[in-house]
Amino acid sequence: MTAVHAAHTGLIESIADGSIFEMEEVPQQSELEIRYTRNADFSEEIAGEYLDRALSAERIEQSLQNAGGRDLVHPKYY
């Protein structure tokens, strides 16, 4: 889960500084998956713990502001 946290932090920073709009698209390749998560991997307890930690819209907005706080609407999407 450390990798997921790092990916989310990097995504927030890329949105905040606008570099996300410069990134090249990369198609997903399911044959390269290392592991596929199945419903059997989750219990009510695990799902509850995840939902208790889930980011709210307000927390995401605060993270974006802390990462640079610029207008996040890219001109090409007006």
PDB file of N, CA and C in Angstrom:
ATOM      1  N   MET A   1       0.818  -1.193   0.000  1.00  0.00           N
ATOM      2  CA  MET A   1       0.000   0.000   0.000  1.00  0.00           C
ATOM      3  C   MET A   1       0.867   1.265   0.000  1.00  0.00           C
ATOM      4  N   THR A   2       2.133   1.132   0.339  1.00  0.00           N
ATOM      5  CA  THR A   2       3.034   2.279   0.274  1.00  0.00           C
ATOM      6  C   THR A   2       3.149   2.780  -1.160  1.00  0.00           C
ATOM      7  N   ALA A   3       3.186   1.857  -2.115  1.00  0.00           N
ATOM      8  CA  ALA A   3       3.280   2.247  -3.523  1.00  0.00           C
ATOM      9  C   ALA A   3       2.019   2.981  -3.973  1.00  0.00           C
ATOM     10  N   VAL A   4       0.870   2.540  -3.502  1.00  0.00           N
ATOM     11  CA  VAL A   4      -0.388   3.203  -3.846  1.00  0.00           C
ATOM     12  C   VAL A   4      -0.396   4.619  -3.281  1.00  0.00           C
ATOM     13  N   HIS A   5       0.042   4.760  -2.046  1.00  0.00           N
ATOM     14  CA  HIS A   5       0.111   6.089  -1.426  1.00  0.00           C
ATOM     15  C   HIS A   5       1.057   6.996  -2.216  1.00  0.00           C
ATOM     16  N   ALA A   6       2.205   6.469  -2.593  1.00  0.00           N
ATOM     17  CA  ALA A   6       3.170   7.270  -3.362  1.00  0.00           C
ATOM     18  C   ALA A   6       2.590   7.660  -4.719  1.00  0.00           C
ATOM     19  N   ALA A   7       1.865   6.747  -5.347  1.00  0.00           N
ATOM     20  CA  ALA A   7       1.255   7.054  -6.645  1.00  0.00           C
ATOM     21  C   ALA A   7       0.206   8.146  -6.502  1.00  0.00           C
ATOM     22  N   HIS A   8      -0.604   8.074  -5.463  1.00  0.00           N
ATOM     23  CA  HIS A   8      -1.627   9.095  -5.252  1.00  0.00           C
ATOM     24  C   HIS A   8      -0.997  10.448  -4.956  1.00  0.00           C
ATOM     25  N   THR A   9       0.058  10.452  -4.161  1.00  0.00           N
ATOM     26  CA  THR A   9       0.750  11.705  -3.854  1.00  0.00           C
ATOM     27  C   THR A   9       1.336  12.304  -5.133  1.00  0.00           C
ATOM     28  N   GLY A  10       1.942  11.468  -5.953  1.00  0.00           N
ATOM     29  CA  GLY A  10       2.500  11.943  -7.221  1.00  0.00           C
ATOM     30  C   GLY A  10       1.419  12.461  -8.158  1.00  0.00           C
ATOM     31  N   LEU A  11       0.275  11.806  -8.170  1.00  0.00           N
ATOM     32  CA  LEU A  11      -0.834  12.255  -9.004  1.00  0.00           C
ATOM     33  C   LEU A  11      -1.321  13.628  -8.558  1.00  0.00           C
ATOM     34  N   ILE A  12      -1.462  13.813  -7.256  1.00  0.00           N
ATOM     35  CA  ILE A  12      -1.889  15.115  -6.719  1.00  0.00           C
ATOM     36  C   ILE A  12      -0.899  16.203  -7.127  1.00  0.00           C
ATOM     37  N   GLU A  13       0.382  15.918  -7.003  1.00  0.00           N
ATOM     38  CA  GLU A  13       1.396  16.909  -7.361  1.00  0.00           C
ATOM     39  C   GLU A  13       1.359  17.209  -8.863  1.00  0.00           C
ATOM     40  N   SER A  14       1.141  16.176  -9.680  1.00  0.00           N
ATOM     41  CA  SER A  14       1.088  16.375 -11.129  1.00  0.00           C
ATOM     42  C   SER A  14      -0.127  17.189 -11.548  1.00  0.00           C
ATOM     43  N   ILE A  15      -1.230  17.005 -10.852  1.00  0.00           N
ATOM     44  CA  ILE A  15      -2.421  17.816 -11.123  1.00  0.00           C
ATOM     45  C   ILE A  15      -2.156  19.252 -10.704  1.00  0.00           C
ATOM     46  N   ALA A  16      -1.593  19.425  -9.522  1.00  0.00           N
ATOM     47  CA  ALA A  16      -1.377  20.759  -8.971  1.00  0.00           C
ATOM     48  C   ALA A  16      -0.420  21.591  -9.815  1.00  0.00           C
ATOM     49  N   ASP A  17       0.658  20.970 -10.326  1.00  0.00           N
ATOM     50  CA  ASP A  17       1.625  21.767 -11.093  1.00  0.00           C
ATOM     51  C   ASP A  17       1.356  21.752 -12.600  1.00  0.00           C
ATOM     52  N   GLY A  18       0.292  21.038 -13.006  1.00  0.00           N
ATOM     53  CA  GLY A  18      -0.086  21.025 -14.412  1.00  0.00           C
ATOM     54  C   GLY A  18       0.686  20.056 -15.271  1.00  0.00           C
ATOM     55  N   SER A  19       1.680  19.371 -14.710  1.00  0.00           N
ATOM     56  CA  SER A  19       2.491  18.460 -15.524  1.00  0.00           C
ATOM     57  C   SER A  19       1.694  17.254 -16.000  1.00  0.00           C
ATOM     58  N   ILE A  20       0.549  16.987 -15.394  1.00  0.00           N
ATOM     59  CA  ILE A  20      -0.277  15.854 -15.832  1.00  0.00           C
ATOM     60  C   ILE A  20      -0.714  16.032 -17.281  1.00  0.00           C
ATOM     61  N   PHE A  21      -0.860  17.287 -17.721  1.00  0.00           N
ATOM     62  CA  PHE A  21      -1.307  17.555 -19.082  1.00  0.00           C
ATOM     63  C   PHE A  21      -0.198  17.338 -20.109  1.00  0.00           C
ATOM     64  N   GLU A  22       1.029  17.162 -19.645  1.00  0.00           N
ATOM     65  CA  GLU A  22       2.170  16.925 -20.527  1.00  0.00           C
ATOM     66  C   GLU A  22       2.513  15.440 -20.624  1.00  0.00           C
ATOM     67  N   MET A  23       1.871  14.612 -19.798  1.00  0.00           N
ATOM     68  CA  MET A  23       2.206  13.189 -19.758  1.00  0.00           C
ATOM     69  C   MET A  23       1.663  12.453 -20.972  1.00  0.00           C
ATOM     70  N   GLU A  24       2.458  11.521 -21.448  1.00  0.00           N
ATOM     71  CA  GLU A  24       2.040  10.692 -22.573  1.00  0.00           C
ATOM     72  C   GLU A  24       1.135   9.572 -22.068  1.00  0.00           C
ATOM     73  N   GLU A  25       0.072   9.309 -22.805  1.00  0.00           N
ATOM     74  CA  GLU A  25      -0.829   8.224 -22.439  1.00  0.00           C
ATOM     75  C   GLU A  25      -0.138   6.882 -22.650  1.00  0.00           C
ATOM     76  N   VAL A  26      -0.396   5.954 -21.734  1.00  0.00           N
ATOM     77  CA  VAL A  26       0.172   4.618 -21.840  1.00  0.00           C
ATOM     78  C   VAL A  26      -0.977   3.620 -21.725  1.00  0.00           C
ATOM     79  N   PRO A  27      -1.211   2.828 -22.764  1.00  0.00           N
ATOM     80  CA  PRO A  27      -2.311   1.863 -22.681  1.00  0.00           C
ATOM     81  C   PRO A  27      -2.012   0.782 -21.641  1.00  0.00           C
ATOM     82  N   GLN A  28      -3.048   0.313 -20.972  1.00  0.00           N
ATOM     83  CA  GLN A  28      -2.886  -0.766 -20.001  1.00  0.00           C
ATOM     84  C   GLN A  28      -2.669  -2.078 -20.741  1.00  0.00           C
ATOM     85  N   GLN A  29      -1.836  -2.914 -20.163  1.00  0.00           N
ATOM     86  CA  GLN A  29      -1.542  -4.218 -20.756  1.00  0.00           C
ATOM     87  C   GLN A  29      -1.792  -5.287 -19.704  1.00  0.00           C
ATOM     88  N   SER A  30      -2.979  -5.878 -19.739  1.00  0.00           N
ATOM     89  CA  SER A  30      -3.371  -6.823 -18.697  1.00  0.00           C
ATOM     90  C   SER A  30      -2.432  -8.026 -18.613  1.00  0.00           C
ATOM     91  N   GLU A  31      -1.781  -8.378 -19.714  1.00  0.00           N
ATOM     92  CA  GLU A  31      -0.872  -9.534 -19.670  1.00  0.00           C
ATOM     93  C   GLU A  31       0.375  -9.256 -18.829  1.00  0.00           C
ATOM     94  N   LEU A  32       0.630  -7.990 -18.510  1.00  0.00           N
ATOM     95  CA  LEU A  32       1.777  -7.638 -17.678  1.00  0.00           C
ATOM     96  C   LEU A  32       1.425  -7.516 -16.199  1.00  0.00           C
ATOM     97  N   GLU A  33       0.166  -7.747 -15.847  1.00  0.00           N
ATOM     98  CA  GLU A  33      -0.243  -7.671 -14.444  1.00  0.00           C
ATOM     99  C   GLU A  33       0.510  -8.711 -13.626  1.00  0.00           C
ATOM    100  N   ILE A  34       0.977  -8.290 -12.477  1.00  0.00           N
ATOM    101  CA  ILE A  34       1.661  -9.205 -11.577  1.00  0.00           C
ATOM    102  C   ILE A  34       0.639  -9.950 -10.716  1.00  0.00           C
ATOM    103  N   ARG A  35      -0.375  -9.216 -10.302  1.00  0.00           N
ATOM    104  CA  ARG A  35      -1.381  -9.801  -9.427  1.00  0.00           C
ATOM    105  C   ARG A  35      -2.701  -9.111  -9.692  1.00  0.00           C
ATOM    106  N   TYR A  36      -3.755  -9.873  -9.715  1.00  0.00           N
ATOM    107  CA  TYR A  36      -5.098  -9.333  -9.893  1.00  0.00           C
ATOM    108  C   TYR A  36      -5.852  -9.570  -8.600  1.00  0.00           C
ATOM    109  N   THR A  37      -6.378  -8.517  -8.004  1.00  0.00           N
ATOM    110  CA  THR A  37      -7.095  -8.642  -6.741  1.00  0.00           C
ATOM    111  C   THR A  37      -8.485  -9.196  -6.991  1.00  0.00           C
ATOM    112  N   ARG A  38      -8.888 -10.120  -6.139  1.00  0.00           N
ATOM    113  CA  ARG A  38     -10.198 -10.752  -6.261  1.00  0.00           C
ATOM    114  C   ARG A  38     -11.058 -10.401  -5.046  1.00  0.00           C
ATOM    115  N   ASN A  39     -12.354 -10.504  -5.210  1.00  0.00           N
ATOM    116  CA  ASN A  39     -13.261 -10.230  -4.097  1.00  0.00           C
ATOM    117  C   ASN A  39     -12.936 -11.076  -2.874  1.00  0.00           C
ATOM    118  N   ALA A  40     -12.438 -12.281  -3.090  1.00  0.00           N
ATOM    119  CA  ALA A  40     -12.101 -13.165  -1.974  1.00  0.00           C
ATOM    120  C   ALA A  40     -10.975 -12.588  -1.111  1.00  0.00           C
ATOM    121  N   ASP A  41     -10.220 -11.614  -1.650  1.00  0.00           N
ATOM    122  CA  ASP A  41      -9.133 -10.988  -0.897  1.00  0.00           C
ATOM    123  C   ASP A  41      -9.644  -9.995   0.140  1.00  0.00           C
ATOM    124  N   PHE A  42     -10.928  -9.691   0.081  1.00  0.00           N
ATOM    125  CA  PHE A  42     -11.490  -8.676   0.966  1.00  0.00           C
ATOM    126  C   PHE A  42     -12.560  -9.274   1.868  1.00  0.00           C
ATOM    127  N   SER A  43     -12.567  -8.797   3.086  1.00  0.00           N
ATOM    128  CA  SER A  43     -13.620  -9.153   4.033  1.00  0.00           C
ATOM    129  C   SER A  43     -14.350  -7.865   4.404  1.00  0.00           C
ATOM    130  N   GLU A  44     -15.432  -7.993   5.137  1.00  0.00           N
ATOM    131  CA  GLU A  44     -16.139  -6.800   5.615  1.00  0.00           C
ATOM    132  C   GLU A  44     -15.205  -5.933   6.454  1.00  0.00           C
ATOM    133  N   GLU A  45     -14.372  -6.568   7.249  1.00  0.00           N
ATOM    134  CA  GLU A  45     -13.437  -5.826   8.113  1.00  0.00           C
ATOM    135  C   GLU A  45     -12.418  -5.048   7.280  1.00  0.00           C
ATOM    136  N   ILE A  46     -11.836  -5.692   6.293  1.00  0.00           N
ATOM    137  CA  ILE A  46     -10.840  -5.035   5.437  1.00  0.00           C
ATOM    138  C   ILE A  46     -11.480  -3.898   4.656  1.00  0.00           C
ATOM    139  N   ALA A  47     -12.665  -4.134   4.102  1.00  0.00           N
ATOM    140  CA  ALA A  47     -13.364  -3.077   3.362  1.00  0.00           C
ATOM    141  C   ALA A  47     -13.676  -1.900   4.276  1.00  0.00           C
ATOM    142  N   GLY A  48     -14.110  -2.181   5.501  1.00  0.00           N
ATOM    143  CA  GLY A  48     -14.408  -1.114   6.458  1.00  0.00           C
ATOM    144  C   GLY A  48     -13.184  -0.285   6.802  1.00  0.00           C
ATOM    145  N   GLU A  49     -12.048  -0.954   6.999  1.00  0.00           N
ATOM    146  CA  GLU A  49     -10.802  -0.239   7.295  1.00  0.00           C
ATOM    147  C   GLU A  49     -10.418   0.667   6.131  1.00  0.00           C
ATOM    148  N   TYR A  50     -10.571   0.159   4.912  1.00  0.00           N
ATOM    149  CA  TYR A  50     -10.254   0.959   3.727  1.00  0.00           C
ATOM    150  C   TYR A  50     -11.163   2.186   3.659  1.00  0.00           C
ATOM    151  N   LEU A  51     -12.451   1.982   3.823  1.00  0.00           N
ATOM    152  CA  LEU A  51     -13.399   3.087   3.722  1.00  0.00           C
ATOM    153  C   LEU A  51     -13.179   4.122   4.820  1.00  0.00           C
ATOM    154  N   ASP A  52     -12.733   3.676   5.989  1.00  0.00           N
ATOM    155  CA  ASP A  52     -12.439   4.620   7.073  1.00  0.00           C
ATOM    156  C   ASP A  52     -11.262   5.522   6.723  1.00  0.00           C
ATOM    157  N   ARG A  53     -10.355   5.027   5.870  1.00  0.00           N
ATOM    158  CA  ARG A  53      -9.175   5.810   5.468  1.00  0.00           C
ATOM    159  C   ARG A  53      -9.377   6.547   4.159  1.00  0.00           C
ATOM    160  N   ALA A  54     -10.474   6.302   3.463  1.00  0.00           N
ATOM    161  CA  ALA A  54     -10.699   6.880   2.136  1.00  0.00           C
ATOM    162  C   ALA A  54     -10.673   8.405   2.200  1.00  0.00           C
ATOM    163  N   LEU A  55     -10.112   8.994   1.180  1.00  0.00           N
ATOM    164  CA  LEU A  55     -10.018  10.442   1.106  1.00  0.00           C
ATOM    165  C   LEU A  55     -11.370  11.055   0.745  1.00  0.00           C
ATOM    166  N   SER A  56     -11.726  12.090   1.451  1.00  0.00           N
ATOM    167  CA  SER A  56     -12.929  12.842   1.110  1.00  0.00           C
ATOM    168  C   SER A  56     -12.560  13.884   0.049  1.00  0.00           C
ATOM    169  N   ALA A  57     -13.566  14.428  -0.602  1.00  0.00           N
ATOM    170  CA  ALA A  57     -13.322  15.482  -1.584  1.00  0.00           C
ATOM    171  C   ALA A  57     -12.615  16.656  -0.923  1.00  0.00           C
ATOM    172  N   GLU A  58     -12.988  16.968   0.304  1.00  0.00           N
ATOM    173  CA  GLU A  58     -12.363  18.086   1.017  1.00  0.00           C
ATOM    174  C   GLU A  58     -10.885  17.816   1.284  1.00  0.00           C
ATOM    175  N   ARG A  59     -10.561  16.561   1.645  1.00  0.00           N
ATOM    176  CA  ARG A  59      -9.161  16.231   1.925  1.00  0.00           C
ATOM    177  C   ARG A  59      -8.333  16.250   0.638  1.00  0.00           C
ATOM    178  N   ILE A  60      -8.916  15.802  -0.462  1.00  0.00           N
ATOM    179  CA  ILE A  60      -8.216  15.858  -1.748  1.00  0.00           C
ATOM    180  C   ILE A  60      -7.964  17.313  -2.139  1.00  0.00           C
ATOM    181  N   GLU A  61      -8.988  18.157  -1.981  1.00  0.00           N
ATOM    182  CA  GLU A  61      -8.827  19.573  -2.303  1.00  0.00           C
ATOM    183  C   GLU A  61      -7.732  20.207  -1.452  1.00  0.00           C
ATOM    184  N   GLN A  62      -7.696  19.876  -0.162  1.00  0.00           N
ATOM    185  CA  GLN A  62      -6.661  20.417   0.726  1.00  0.00           C
ATOM    186  C   GLN A  62      -5.275  19.947   0.282  1.00  0.00           C
ATOM    187  N   SER A  63      -5.160  18.677  -0.107  1.00  0.00           N
ATOM    188  CA  SER A  63      -3.875  18.154  -0.578  1.00  0.00           C
ATOM    189  C   SER A  63      -3.420  18.879  -1.833  1.00  0.00           C
ATOM    190  N   LEU A  64      -4.359  19.147  -2.737  1.00  0.00           N
ATOM    191  CA  LEU A  64      -4.020  19.880  -3.955  1.00  0.00           C
ATOM    192  C   LEU A  64      -3.555  21.297  -3.631  1.00  0.00           C
ATOM    193  N   GLN A  65      -4.237  21.956  -2.711  1.00  0.00           N
ATOM    194  CA  GLN A  65      -3.840  23.307  -2.327  1.00  0.00           C
ATOM    195  C   GLN A  65      -2.456  23.290  -1.698  1.00  0.00           C
ATOM    196  N   ASN A  66      -2.178  22.295  -0.876  1.00  0.00           N
ATOM    197  CA  ASN A  66      -0.869  22.186  -0.232  1.00  0.00           C
ATOM    198  C   ASN A  66       0.228  21.887  -1.243  1.00  0.00           C
ATOM    199  N   ALA A  67      -0.131  21.242  -2.349  1.00  0.00           N
ATOM    200  CA  ALA A  67       0.861  20.866  -3.356  1.00  0.00           C
ATOM    201  C   ALA A  67       1.146  21.980  -4.354  1.00  0.00           C
ATOM    202  N   GLY A  68       0.413  23.048  -4.310  1.00  0.00           N
ATOM    203  CA  GLY A  68       0.705  24.125  -5.245  1.00  0.00           C
ATOM    204  C   GLY A  68      -0.453  25.064  -5.460  1.00  0.00           C
ATOM    205  N   GLY A  69      -1.639  24.585  -5.273  1.00  0.00           N
ATOM    206  CA  GLY A  69      -2.838  25.396  -5.272  1.00  0.00           C
ATOM    207  C   GLY A  69      -3.055  26.306  -6.454  1.00  0.00           C
ATOM    208  N   ARG A  70      -2.934  25.844  -7.669  1.00  0.00           N
ATOM    209  CA  ARG A  70      -3.223  26.667  -8.816  1.00  0.00           C
ATOM    210  C   ARG A  70      -4.567  26.254  -9.393  1.00  0.00           C
ATOM    211  N   ASP A  71      -5.055  27.015 -10.356  1.00  0.00           N
ATOM    212  CA  ASP A  71      -6.296  26.663 -11.031  1.00  0.00           C
ATOM    213  C   ASP A  71      -6.049  25.357 -11.782  1.00  0.00           C
ATOM    214  N   LEU A  72      -6.830  24.327 -11.475  1.00  0.00           N
ATOM    215  CA  LEU A  72      -6.548  23.007 -12.006  1.00  0.00           C
ATOM    216  C   LEU A  72      -7.249  22.702 -13.318  1.00  0.00           C
ATOM    217  N   VAL A  73      -7.962  23.663 -13.872  1.00  0.00           N
ATOM    218  CA  VAL A  73      -8.629  23.434 -15.155  1.00  0.00           C
ATOM    219  C   VAL A  73      -7.657  23.842 -16.268  1.00  0.00           C
ATOM    220  N   HIS A  74      -7.217  22.851 -17.015  1.00  0.00           N
ATOM    221  CA  HIS A  74      -6.272  23.103 -18.086  1.00  0.00           C
ATOM    222  C   HIS A  74      -6.982  23.826 -19.225  1.00  0.00           C
ATOM    223  N   PRO A  75      -6.359  24.840 -19.839  1.00  0.00           N
ATOM    224  CA  PRO A  75      -7.017  25.628 -20.898  1.00  0.00           C
ATOM    225  C   PRO A  75      -7.594  24.785 -22.027  1.00  0.00           C
ATOM    226  N   LYS A  76      -6.958  23.670 -22.368  1.00  0.00           N
ATOM    227  CA  LYS A  76      -7.481  22.873 -23.485  1.00  0.00           C
ATOM    228  C   LYS A  76      -8.796  22.180 -23.131  1.00  0.00           C
ATOM    229  N   TYR A  77      -9.203  22.218 -21.853  1.00  0.00           N
ATOM    230  CA  TYR A  77     -10.446  21.570 -21.444  1.00  0.00           C
ATOM    231  C   TYR A  77     -11.566  22.580 -21.175  1.00  0.00           C
ATOM    232  N   TYR A  78     -11.356  23.861 -21.514  1.00  0.00           N
ATOM    233  CA  TYR A  78     -12.413  24.864 -21.312  1.00  0.00           C
ATOM    234  C   TYR A  78     -13.529  24.633 -22.282  1.00  0.00           C
TER     235      TYR A  78
END
